Amino acid sequence: MAWVFLFLAGIFEVIWATMMKLSQFFSILKYDILTVIGMLISFGFLSLAMKKLPLGIAYPIWTGIGAVGSILVGVLLFKDKLPTLTWFFILMLIVGLIGIKITSGH
């Protein structure tokens, strides 16, 4: 269950980051509220995951899911443009996250 909690924490990190972008520097109340709710849920799931997973595994996976997810949201929703080489490094990040998971022993 810890890995499920960690995955959900990462997904909600993407959600709160997206809501923060939509809030336009905390100037649209509904997005401000959704940002805070997303943060609380993300931190809650991260906390549950860290009951079983070490900090050195849980935190980098959480931030990695958030980073990759936010990149994808930026490209798909906000039409961010990324250089081709950047996609290579994003792929390396994903490979690194998978490697951490596989080798963690948890």
PDB file of N, CA and C in Angstrom:
ATOM      1  N   MET A   1       0.816  -1.205   0.000  1.00  0.00           N
ATOM      2  CA  MET A   1       0.000   0.000   0.000  1.00  0.00           C
ATOM      3  C   MET A   1       0.856   1.264   0.000  1.00  0.00           C
ATOM      4  N   ALA A   2       2.063   1.186   0.569  1.00  0.00           N
ATOM      5  CA  ALA A   2       2.920   2.367   0.654  1.00  0.00           C
ATOM      6  C   ALA A   2       3.219   2.940  -0.731  1.00  0.00           C
ATOM      7  N   TRP A   3       3.429   2.063  -1.705  1.00  0.00           N
ATOM      8  CA  TRP A   3       3.718   2.539  -3.062  1.00  0.00           C
ATOM      9  C   TRP A   3       2.497   3.183  -3.702  1.00  0.00           C
ATOM     10  N   VAL A   4       1.332   2.668  -3.400  1.00  0.00           N
ATOM     11  CA  VAL A   4       0.093   3.278  -3.903  1.00  0.00           C
ATOM     12  C   VAL A   4      -0.051   4.672  -3.297  1.00  0.00           C
ATOM     13  N   PHE A   5       0.182   4.781  -1.998  1.00  0.00           N
ATOM     14  CA  PHE A   5       0.114   6.093  -1.335  1.00  0.00           C
ATOM     15  C   PHE A   5       1.126   7.057  -1.953  1.00  0.00           C
ATOM     16  N   LEU A   6       2.319   6.551  -2.224  1.00  0.00           N
ATOM     17  CA  LEU A   6       3.358   7.401  -2.791  1.00  0.00           C
ATOM     18  C   LEU A   6       2.977   7.867  -4.199  1.00  0.00           C
ATOM     19  N   PHE A   7       2.425   6.973  -5.000  1.00  0.00           N
ATOM     20  CA  PHE A   7       1.969   7.347  -6.333  1.00  0.00           C
ATOM     21  C   PHE A   7       0.880   8.419  -6.250  1.00  0.00           C
ATOM     22  N   LEU A   8      -0.086   8.220  -5.367  1.00  0.00           N
ATOM     23  CA  LEU A   8      -1.156   9.204  -5.192  1.00  0.00           C
ATOM     24  C   LEU A   8      -0.601  10.545  -4.711  1.00  0.00           C
ATOM     25  N   ALA A   9       0.382  10.502  -3.822  1.00  0.00           N
ATOM     26  CA  ALA A   9       1.019  11.739  -3.354  1.00  0.00           C
ATOM     27  C   ALA A   9       1.638  12.486  -4.530  1.00  0.00           C
ATOM     28  N   GLY A  10       2.289  11.751  -5.423  1.00  0.00           N
ATOM     29  CA  GLY A  10       2.888  12.372  -6.595  1.00  0.00           C
ATOM     30  C   GLY A  10       1.856  12.958  -7.536  1.00  0.00           C
ATOM     31  N   ILE A  11       0.759  12.251  -7.734  1.00  0.00           N
ATOM     32  CA  ILE A  11      -0.316  12.749  -8.597  1.00  0.00           C
ATOM     33  C   ILE A  11      -0.903  14.035  -8.020  1.00  0.00           C
ATOM     34  N   PHE A  12      -1.124  14.047  -6.701  1.00  0.00           N
ATOM     35  CA  PHE A  12      -1.671  15.267  -6.096  1.00  0.00           C
ATOM     36  C   PHE A  12      -0.653  16.397  -6.072  1.00  0.00           C
ATOM     37  N   GLU A  13       0.637  16.076  -6.137  1.00  0.00           N
ATOM     38  CA  GLU A  13       1.629  17.138  -6.279  1.00  0.00           C
ATOM     39  C   GLU A  13       1.463  17.821  -7.640  1.00  0.00           C
ATOM     40  N   VAL A  14       1.240  17.017  -8.667  1.00  0.00           N
ATOM     41  CA  VAL A  14       0.995  17.574 -10.000  1.00  0.00           C
ATOM     42  C   VAL A  14      -0.279  18.427  -9.984  1.00  0.00           C
ATOM     43  N   ILE A  15      -1.300  17.933  -9.315  1.00  0.00           N
ATOM     44  CA  ILE A  15      -2.571  18.667  -9.247  1.00  0.00           C
ATOM     45  C   ILE A  15      -2.389  20.014  -8.563  1.00  0.00           C
ATOM     46  N   TRP A  16      -1.710  20.024  -7.396  1.00  0.00           N
ATOM     47  CA  TRP A  16      -1.590  21.317  -6.710  1.00  0.00           C
ATOM     48  C   TRP A  16      -0.692  22.277  -7.481  1.00  0.00           C
ATOM     49  N   ALA A  17       0.333  21.759  -8.142  1.00  0.00           N
ATOM     50  CA  ALA A  17       1.190  22.647  -8.932  1.00  0.00           C
ATOM     51  C   ALA A  17       0.403  23.251 -10.102  1.00  0.00           C
ATOM     52  N   THR A  18      -0.446  22.439 -10.717  1.00  0.00           N
ATOM     53  CA  THR A  18      -1.282  22.918 -11.815  1.00  0.00           C
ATOM     54  C   THR A  18      -2.270  23.972 -11.314  1.00  0.00           C
ATOM     55  N   MET A  19      -2.877  23.704 -10.173  1.00  0.00           N
ATOM     56  CA  MET A  19      -3.823  24.677  -9.610  1.00  0.00           C
ATOM     57  C   MET A  19      -3.115  25.985  -9.255  1.00  0.00           C
ATOM     58  N   MET A  20      -1.872  25.874  -8.777  1.00  0.00           N
ATOM     59  CA  MET A  20      -1.115  27.080  -8.451  1.00  0.00           C
ATOM     60  C   MET A  20      -0.866  27.903  -9.711  1.00  0.00           C
ATOM     61  N   LYS A  21      -0.527  27.248 -10.800  1.00  0.00           N
ATOM     62  CA  LYS A  21      -0.344  27.961 -12.075  1.00  0.00           C
ATOM     63  C   LYS A  21      -1.645  28.642 -12.488  1.00  0.00           C
ATOM     64  N   LEU A  22      -2.748  27.908 -12.369  1.00  0.00           N
ATOM     65  CA  LEU A  22      -4.046  28.466 -12.751  1.00  0.00           C
ATOM     66  C   LEU A  22      -4.493  29.606 -11.837  1.00  0.00           C
ATOM     67  N   SER A  23      -3.959  29.634 -10.622  1.00  0.00           N
ATOM     68  CA  SER A  23      -4.358  30.681  -9.677  1.00  0.00           C
ATOM     69  C   SER A  23      -3.793  32.059 -10.032  1.00  0.00           C
ATOM     70  N   GLN A  24      -2.862  32.081 -10.988  1.00  0.00           N
ATOM     71  CA  GLN A  24      -2.247  33.336 -11.422  1.00  0.00           C
ATOM     72  C   GLN A  24      -1.694  34.128 -10.242  1.00  0.00           C
ATOM     73  N   PHE A  25      -0.738  33.516  -9.600  1.00  0.00           N
ATOM     74  CA  PHE A  25      -0.068  34.111  -8.431  1.00  0.00           C
ATOM     75  C   PHE A  25      -1.068  34.383  -7.310  1.00  0.00           C
ATOM     76  N   PHE A  26      -1.854  33.354  -7.024  1.00  0.00           N
ATOM     77  CA  PHE A  26      -2.827  33.385  -5.932  1.00  0.00           C
ATOM     78  C   PHE A  26      -3.794  34.571  -6.039  1.00  0.00           C
ATOM     79  N   SER A  27      -4.321  34.749  -7.240  1.00  0.00           N
ATOM     80  CA  SER A  27      -5.282  35.838  -7.436  1.00  0.00           C
ATOM     81  C   SER A  27      -6.679  35.345  -7.818  1.00  0.00           C
ATOM     82  N   ILE A  28      -6.856  34.021  -7.939  1.00  0.00           N
ATOM     83  CA  ILE A  28      -8.169  33.454  -8.248  1.00  0.00           C
ATOM     84  C   ILE A  28      -8.515  32.474  -7.128  1.00  0.00           C
ATOM     85  N   LEU A  29      -9.451  32.875  -6.286  1.00  0.00           N
ATOM     86  CA  LEU A  29      -9.723  32.179  -5.030  1.00  0.00           C
ATOM     87  C   LEU A  29      -9.969  30.677  -5.198  1.00  0.00           C
ATOM     88  N   LYS A  30     -10.766  30.267  -6.186  1.00  0.00           N
ATOM     89  CA  LYS A  30     -11.069  28.835  -6.305  1.00  0.00           C
ATOM     90  C   LYS A  30      -9.803  28.028  -6.570  1.00  0.00           C
ATOM     91  N   TYR A  31      -8.873  28.565  -7.362  1.00  0.00           N
ATOM     92  CA  TYR A  31      -7.625  27.849  -7.609  1.00  0.00           C
ATOM     93  C   TYR A  31      -6.688  27.921  -6.405  1.00  0.00           C
ATOM     94  N   ASP A  32      -6.760  29.018  -5.667  1.00  0.00           N
ATOM     95  CA  ASP A  32      -5.989  29.127  -4.428  1.00  0.00           C
ATOM     96  C   ASP A  32      -6.402  28.008  -3.466  1.00  0.00           C
ATOM     97  N   ILE A  33      -7.704  27.840  -3.308  1.00  0.00           N
ATOM     98  CA  ILE A  33      -8.242  26.819  -2.404  1.00  0.00           C
ATOM     99  C   ILE A  33      -7.871  25.426  -2.894  1.00  0.00           C
ATOM    100  N   LEU A  34      -8.013  25.187  -4.206  1.00  0.00           N
ATOM    101  CA  LEU A  34      -7.657  23.875  -4.761  1.00  0.00           C
ATOM    102  C   LEU A  34      -6.166  23.584  -4.618  1.00  0.00           C
ATOM    103  N   THR A  35      -5.339  24.623  -4.698  1.00  0.00           N
ATOM    104  CA  THR A  35      -3.897  24.450  -4.486  1.00  0.00           C
ATOM    105  C   THR A  35      -3.635  23.934  -3.075  1.00  0.00           C
ATOM    106  N   VAL A  36      -4.206  24.588  -2.097  1.00  0.00           N
ATOM    107  CA  VAL A  36      -3.985  24.201  -0.692  1.00  0.00           C
ATOM    108  C   VAL A  36      -4.545  22.808  -0.414  1.00  0.00           C
ATOM    109  N   ILE A  37      -5.722  22.508  -0.939  1.00  0.00           N
ATOM    110  CA  ILE A  37      -6.313  21.174  -0.750  1.00  0.00           C
ATOM    111  C   ILE A  37      -5.407  20.117  -1.385  1.00  0.00           C
ATOM    112  N   GLY A  38      -4.936  20.390  -2.601  1.00  0.00           N
ATOM    113  CA  GLY A  38      -4.028  19.459  -3.267  1.00  0.00           C
ATOM    114  C   GLY A  38      -2.750  19.231  -2.481  1.00  0.00           C
ATOM    115  N   MET A  39      -2.206  20.313  -1.909  1.00  0.00           N
ATOM    116  CA  MET A  39      -0.995  20.197  -1.093  1.00  0.00           C
ATOM    117  C   MET A  39      -1.243  19.308   0.129  1.00  0.00           C
ATOM    118  N   LEU A  40      -2.344  19.562   0.807  1.00  0.00           N
ATOM    119  CA  LEU A  40      -2.659  18.790   2.010  1.00  0.00           C
ATOM    120  C   LEU A  40      -2.839  17.305   1.687  1.00  0.00           C
ATOM    121  N   ILE A  41      -3.536  17.015   0.597  1.00  0.00           N
ATOM    122  CA  ILE A  41      -3.733  15.617   0.217  1.00  0.00           C
ATOM    123  C   ILE A  41      -2.399  14.991  -0.182  1.00  0.00           C
ATOM    124  N   SER A  42      -1.598  15.713  -0.954  1.00  0.00           N
ATOM    125  CA  SER A  42      -0.300  15.197  -1.373  1.00  0.00           C
ATOM    126  C   SER A  42       0.588  14.898  -0.172  1.00  0.00           C
ATOM    127  N   PHE A  43       0.687  15.856   0.745  1.00  0.00           N
ATOM    128  CA  PHE A  43       1.505  15.648   1.943  1.00  0.00           C
ATOM    129  C   PHE A  43       0.939  14.524   2.814  1.00  0.00           C
ATOM    130  N   GLY A  44      -0.374  14.410   2.855  1.00  0.00           N
ATOM    131  CA  GLY A  44      -0.992  13.333   3.629  1.00  0.00           C
ATOM    132  C   GLY A  44      -0.620  11.967   3.082  1.00  0.00           C
ATOM    133  N   PHE A  45      -0.730  11.798   1.770  1.00  0.00           N
ATOM    134  CA  PHE A  45      -0.353  10.523   1.165  1.00  0.00           C
ATOM    135  C   PHE A  45       1.147  10.260   1.306  1.00  0.00           C
ATOM    136  N   LEU A  46       1.952  11.306   1.167  1.00  0.00           N
ATOM    137  CA  LEU A  46       3.393  11.139   1.354  1.00  0.00           C
ATOM    138  C   LEU A  46       3.694  10.674   2.777  1.00  0.00           C
ATOM    139  N   SER A  47       3.024  11.260   3.736  1.00  0.00           N
ATOM    140  CA  SER A  47       3.209  10.870   5.134  1.00  0.00           C
ATOM    141  C   SER A  47       2.841   9.398   5.351  1.00  0.00           C
ATOM    142  N   LEU A  48       1.724   8.978   4.752  1.00  0.00           N
ATOM    143  CA  LEU A  48       1.326   7.568   4.866  1.00  0.00           C
ATOM    144  C   LEU A  48       2.359   6.651   4.221  1.00  0.00           C
ATOM    145  N   ALA A  49       2.871   7.043   3.071  1.00  0.00           N
ATOM    146  CA  ALA A  49       3.875   6.226   2.386  1.00  0.00           C
ATOM    147  C   ALA A  49       5.141   6.102   3.215  1.00  0.00           C
ATOM    148  N   MET A  50       5.526   7.186   3.903  1.00  0.00           N
ATOM    149  CA  MET A  50       6.771   7.167   4.667  1.00  0.00           C
ATOM    150  C   MET A  50       6.666   6.387   5.974  1.00  0.00           C
ATOM    151  N   LYS A  51       5.474   5.900   6.295  1.00  0.00           N
ATOM    152  CA  LYS A  51       5.378   4.989   7.439  1.00  0.00           C
ATOM    153  C   LYS A  51       6.096   3.686   7.123  1.00  0.00           C
ATOM    154  N   LYS A  52       6.142   3.309   5.843  1.00  0.00           N
ATOM    155  CA  LYS A  52       6.761   2.044   5.427  1.00  0.00           C
ATOM    156  C   LYS A  52       8.019   2.228   4.588  1.00  0.00           C
ATOM    157  N   LEU A  53       8.111   3.352   3.889  1.00  0.00           N
ATOM    158  CA  LEU A  53       9.242   3.577   2.993  1.00  0.00           C
ATOM    159  C   LEU A  53      10.227   4.559   3.606  1.00  0.00           C
ATOM    160  N   PRO A  54      11.515   4.346   3.383  1.00  0.00           N
ATOM    161  CA  PRO A  54      12.504   5.288   3.898  1.00  0.00           C
ATOM    162  C   PRO A  54      12.402   6.648   3.196  1.00  0.00           C
ATOM    163  N   LEU A  55      12.773   7.688   3.890  1.00  0.00           N
ATOM    164  CA  LEU A  55      12.769   9.037   3.353  1.00  0.00           C
ATOM    165  C   LEU A  55      13.567   9.107   2.052  1.00  0.00           C
ATOM    166  N   GLY A  56      14.724   8.461   2.022  1.00  0.00           N
ATOM    167  CA  GLY A  56      15.608   8.506   0.864  1.00  0.00           C
ATOM    168  C   GLY A  56      15.042   7.829  -0.373  1.00  0.00           C
ATOM    169  N   ILE A  57      13.984   7.072  -0.215  1.00  0.00           N
ATOM    170  CA  ILE A  57      13.282   6.467  -1.348  1.00  0.00           C
ATOM    171  C   ILE A  57      12.013   7.261  -1.642  1.00  0.00           C
ATOM    172  N   ALA A  58      11.219   7.520  -0.612  1.00  0.00           N
ATOM    173  CA  ALA A  58       9.909   8.142  -0.800  1.00  0.00           C
ATOM    174  C   ALA A  58      10.020   9.554  -1.371  1.00  0.00           C
ATOM    175  N   TYR A  59      10.889  10.367  -0.812  1.00  0.00           N
ATOM    176  CA  TYR A  59      10.946  11.764  -1.238  1.00  0.00           C
ATOM    177  C   TYR A  59      11.383  11.922  -2.697  1.00  0.00           C
ATOM    178  N   PRO A  60      12.454  11.266  -3.133  1.00  0.00           N
ATOM    179  CA  PRO A  60      12.831  11.437  -4.544  1.00  0.00           C
ATOM    180  C   PRO A  60      11.784  10.892  -5.520  1.00  0.00           C
ATOM    181  N   ILE A  61      11.118   9.806  -5.168  1.00  0.00           N
ATOM    182  CA  ILE A  61      10.067   9.283  -6.042  1.00  0.00           C
ATOM    183  C   ILE A  61       8.906  10.277  -6.107  1.00  0.00           C
ATOM    184  N   TRP A  62       8.515  10.804  -4.958  1.00  0.00           N
ATOM    185  CA  TRP A  62       7.422  11.788  -4.893  1.00  0.00           C
ATOM    186  C   TRP A  62       7.740  13.007  -5.754  1.00  0.00           C
ATOM    187  N   THR A  63       8.927  13.565  -5.572  1.00  0.00           N
ATOM    188  CA  THR A  63       9.283  14.749  -6.355  1.00  0.00           C
ATOM    189  C   THR A  63       9.459  14.403  -7.827  1.00  0.00           C
ATOM    190  N   GLY A  64       9.929  13.201  -8.110  1.00  0.00           N
ATOM    191  CA  GLY A  64      10.087  12.780  -9.504  1.00  0.00           C
ATOM    192  C   GLY A  64       8.755  12.645 -10.221  1.00  0.00           C
ATOM    193  N   ILE A  65       7.791  12.028  -9.551  1.00  0.00           N
ATOM    194  CA  ILE A  65       6.448  11.930 -10.134  1.00  0.00           C
ATOM    195  C   ILE A  65       5.896  13.332 -10.357  1.00  0.00           C
ATOM    196  N   GLY A  66       6.081  14.193  -9.369  1.00  0.00           N
ATOM    197  CA  GLY A  66       5.616  15.566  -9.501  1.00  0.00           C
ATOM    198  C   GLY A  66       6.310  16.301 -10.640  1.00  0.00           C
ATOM    199  N   ALA A  67       7.605  16.095 -10.788  1.00  0.00           N
ATOM    200  CA  ALA A  67       8.357  16.776 -11.842  1.00  0.00           C
ATOM    201  C   ALA A  67       7.918  16.308 -13.228  1.00  0.00           C
ATOM    202  N   VAL A  68       7.913  15.005 -13.432  1.00  0.00           N
ATOM    203  CA  VAL A  68       7.534  14.472 -14.740  1.00  0.00           C
ATOM    204  C   VAL A  68       6.071  14.801 -15.046  1.00  0.00           C
ATOM    205  N   GLY A  69       5.214  14.628 -14.061  1.00  0.00           N
ATOM    206  CA  GLY A  69       3.799  14.938 -14.268  1.00  0.00           C
ATOM    207  C   GLY A  69       3.571  16.398 -14.586  1.00  0.00           C
ATOM    208  N   SER A  70       4.285  17.275 -13.900  1.00  0.00           N
ATOM    209  CA  SER A  70       4.139  18.713 -14.146  1.00  0.00           C
ATOM    210  C   SER A  70       4.670  19.097 -15.523  1.00  0.00           C
ATOM    211  N   ILE A  71       5.722  18.454 -15.949  1.00  0.00           N
ATOM    212  CA  ILE A  71       6.234  18.695 -17.298  1.00  0.00           C
ATOM    213  C   ILE A  71       5.170  18.315 -18.324  1.00  0.00           C
ATOM    214  N   LEU A  72       4.569  17.143 -18.148  1.00  0.00           N
ATOM    215  CA  LEU A  72       3.547  16.692 -19.088  1.00  0.00           C
ATOM    216  C   LEU A  72       2.332  17.610 -19.091  1.00  0.00           C
ATOM    217  N   VAL A  73       1.902  18.042 -17.911  1.00  0.00           N
ATOM    218  CA  VAL A  73       0.776  18.979 -17.834  1.00  0.00           C
ATOM    219  C   VAL A  73       1.153  20.294 -18.519  1.00  0.00           C
ATOM    220  N   GLY A  74       2.358  20.753 -18.273  1.00  0.00           N
ATOM    221  CA  GLY A  74       2.802  21.991 -18.911  1.00  0.00           C
ATOM    222  C   GLY A  74       2.761  21.902 -20.427  1.00  0.00           C
ATOM    223  N   VAL A  75       3.222  20.789 -20.959  1.00  0.00           N
ATOM    224  CA  VAL A  75       3.242  20.602 -22.411  1.00  0.00           C
ATOM    225  C   VAL A  75       1.827  20.428 -22.956  1.00  0.00           C
ATOM    226  N   LEU A  76       1.030  19.591 -22.298  1.00  0.00           N
ATOM    227  CA  LEU A  76      -0.294  19.264 -22.825  1.00  0.00           C
ATOM    228  C   LEU A  76      -1.343  20.342 -22.566  1.00  0.00           C
ATOM    229  N   LEU A  77      -1.325  20.930 -21.377  1.00  0.00           N
ATOM    230  CA  LEU A  77      -2.359  21.888 -20.999  1.00  0.00           C
ATOM    231  C   LEU A  77      -1.966  23.336 -21.300  1.00  0.00           C
ATOM    232  N   PHE A  78      -0.720  23.659 -20.990  1.00  0.00           N
ATOM    233  CA  PHE A  78      -0.272  25.046 -21.123  1.00  0.00           C
ATOM    234  C   PHE A  78       0.559  25.290 -22.381  1.00  0.00           C
ATOM    235  N   LYS A  79       0.718  24.250 -23.189  1.00  0.00           N
ATOM    236  CA  LYS A  79       1.435  24.352 -24.471  1.00  0.00           C
ATOM    237  C   LYS A  79       2.887  24.792 -24.306  1.00  0.00           C
ATOM    238  N   ASP A  80       3.514  24.374 -23.180  1.00  0.00           N
ATOM    239  CA  ASP A  80       4.939  24.642 -23.004  1.00  0.00           C
ATOM    240  C   ASP A  80       5.717  23.948 -24.116  1.00  0.00           C
ATOM    241  N   LYS A  81       6.757  24.586 -24.586  1.00  0.00           N
ATOM    242  CA  LYS A  81       7.629  24.021 -25.618  1.00  0.00           C
ATOM    243  C   LYS A  81       8.961  23.652 -24.977  1.00  0.00           C
ATOM    244  N   LEU A  82       9.376  22.422 -25.188  1.00  0.00           N
ATOM    245  CA  LEU A  82      10.640  21.957 -24.633  1.00  0.00           C
ATOM    246  C   LEU A  82      11.585  21.544 -25.749  1.00  0.00           C
ATOM    247  N   PRO A  83      12.863  21.872 -25.607  1.00  0.00           N
ATOM    248  CA  PRO A  83      13.836  21.420 -26.606  1.00  0.00           C
ATOM    249  C   PRO A  83      13.919  19.891 -26.642  1.00  0.00           C
ATOM    250  N   THR A  84      14.292  19.355 -27.776  1.00  0.00           N
ATOM    251  CA  THR A  84      14.388  17.911 -27.946  1.00  0.00           C
ATOM    252  C   THR A  84      15.308  17.284 -26.897  1.00  0.00           C
ATOM    253  N   LEU A  85      16.434  17.911 -26.638  1.00  0.00           N
ATOM    254  CA  LEU A  85      17.379  17.351 -25.662  1.00  0.00           C
ATOM    255  C   LEU A  85      16.763  17.265 -24.274  1.00  0.00           C
ATOM    256  N   THR A  86      15.890  18.190 -23.947  1.00  0.00           N
ATOM    257  CA  THR A  86      15.215  18.156 -22.651  1.00  0.00           C
ATOM    258  C   THR A  86      14.425  16.870 -22.492  1.00  0.00           C
ATOM    259  N   TRP A  87      13.779  16.400 -23.559  1.00  0.00           N
ATOM    260  CA  TRP A  87      13.012  15.148 -23.499  1.00  0.00           C
ATOM    261  C   TRP A  87      13.920  13.965 -23.171  1.00  0.00           C
ATOM    262  N   PHE A  88      15.146  14.002 -23.649  1.00  0.00           N
ATOM    263  CA  PHE A  88      16.114  12.955 -23.309  1.00  0.00           C
ATOM    264  C   PHE A  88      16.355  12.927 -21.800  1.00  0.00           C
ATOM    265  N   PHE A  89      16.544  14.092 -21.208  1.00  0.00           N
ATOM    266  CA  PHE A  89      16.797  14.157 -19.769  1.00  0.00           C
ATOM    267  C   PHE A  89      15.554  13.802 -18.949  1.00  0.00           C
ATOM    268  N   ILE A  90      14.384  14.114 -19.460  1.00  0.00           N
ATOM    269  CA  ILE A  90      13.149  13.680 -18.797  1.00  0.00           C
ATOM    270  C   ILE A  90      13.080  12.164 -18.800  1.00  0.00           C
ATOM    271  N   LEU A  91      13.424  11.553 -19.932  1.00  0.00           N
ATOM    272  CA  LEU A  91      13.466  10.092 -20.017  1.00  0.00           C
ATOM    273  C   LEU A  91      14.475   9.522 -19.027  1.00  0.00           C
ATOM    274  N   MET A  92      15.628  10.168 -18.899  1.00  0.00           N
ATOM    275  CA  MET A  92      16.622   9.718 -17.918  1.00  0.00           C
ATOM    276  C   MET A  92      16.069   9.795 -16.499  1.00  0.00           C
ATOM    277  N   LEU A  93      15.309  10.836 -16.216  1.00  0.00           N
ATOM    278  CA  LEU A  93      14.683  10.978 -14.902  1.00  0.00           C
ATOM    279  C   LEU A  93      13.722   9.821 -14.645  1.00  0.00           C
ATOM    280  N   ILE A  94      12.914   9.496 -15.635  1.00  0.00           N
ATOM    281  CA  ILE A  94      11.969   8.383 -15.495  1.00  0.00           C
ATOM    282  C   ILE A  94      12.725   7.073 -15.272  1.00  0.00           C
ATOM    283  N   VAL A  95      13.774   6.851 -16.032  1.00  0.00           N
ATOM    284  CA  VAL A  95      14.584   5.639 -15.855  1.00  0.00           C
ATOM    285  C   VAL A  95      15.186   5.607 -14.452  1.00  0.00           C
ATOM    286  N   GLY A  96      15.645   6.751 -13.978  1.00  0.00           N
ATOM    287  CA  GLY A  96      16.189   6.827 -12.621  1.00  0.00           C
ATOM    288  C   GLY A  96      15.153   6.499 -11.561  1.00  0.00           C
ATOM    289  N   LEU A  97      13.942   7.002 -11.728  1.00  0.00           N
ATOM    290  CA  LEU A  97      12.868   6.720 -10.771  1.00  0.00           C
ATOM    291  C   LEU A  97      12.525   5.231 -10.767  1.00  0.00           C
ATOM    292  N   ILE A  98      12.448   4.651 -11.946  1.00  0.00           N
ATOM    293  CA  ILE A  98      12.184   3.209 -12.034  1.00  0.00           C
ATOM    294  C   ILE A  98      13.317   2.433 -11.377  1.00  0.00           C
ATOM    295  N   GLY A  99      14.541   2.873 -11.622  1.00  0.00           N
ATOM    296  CA  GLY A  99      15.690   2.210 -11.003  1.00  0.00           C
ATOM    297  C   GLY A  99      15.660   2.283  -9.480  1.00  0.00           C
ATOM    298  N   ILE A 100      15.294   3.424  -8.946  1.00  0.00           N
ATOM    299  CA  ILE A 100      15.173   3.565  -7.485  1.00  0.00           C
ATOM    300  C   ILE A 100      14.129   2.585  -6.961  1.00  0.00           C
ATOM    301  N   LYS A 101      12.995   2.516  -7.642  1.00  0.00           N
ATOM    302  CA  LYS A 101      11.923   1.615  -7.204  1.00  0.00           C
ATOM    303  C   LYS A 101      12.390   0.154  -7.242  1.00  0.00           C
ATOM    304  N   ILE A 102      13.000  -0.243  -8.340  1.00  0.00           N
ATOM    305  CA  ILE A 102      13.406  -1.637  -8.522  1.00  0.00           C
ATOM    306  C   ILE A 102      14.473  -2.053  -7.520  1.00  0.00           C
ATOM    307  N   THR A 103      15.397  -1.149  -7.250  1.00  0.00           N
ATOM    308  CA  THR A 103      16.534  -1.506  -6.393  1.00  0.00           C
ATOM    309  C   THR A 103      16.312  -1.199  -4.913  1.00  0.00           C
ATOM    310  N   SER A 104      15.169  -0.623  -4.572  1.00  0.00           N
ATOM    311  CA  SER A 104      14.975  -0.179  -3.189  1.00  0.00           C
ATOM    312  C   SER A 104      14.743  -1.333  -2.218  1.00  0.00           C
ATOM    313  N   GLY A 105      14.291  -2.458  -2.709  1.00  0.00           N
ATOM    314  CA  GLY A 105      14.014  -3.572  -1.819  1.00  0.00           C
ATOM    315  C   GLY A 105      12.720  -3.441  -1.040  1.00  0.00           C
ATOM    316  N   HIS A 106      11.895  -2.500  -1.410  1.00  0.00           N
ATOM    317  CA  HIS A 106      10.619  -2.277  -0.707  1.00  0.00           C
ATOM    318  C   HIS A 106       9.487  -2.524  -1.643  1.00  0.00           C
TER     319      HIS A 106
END
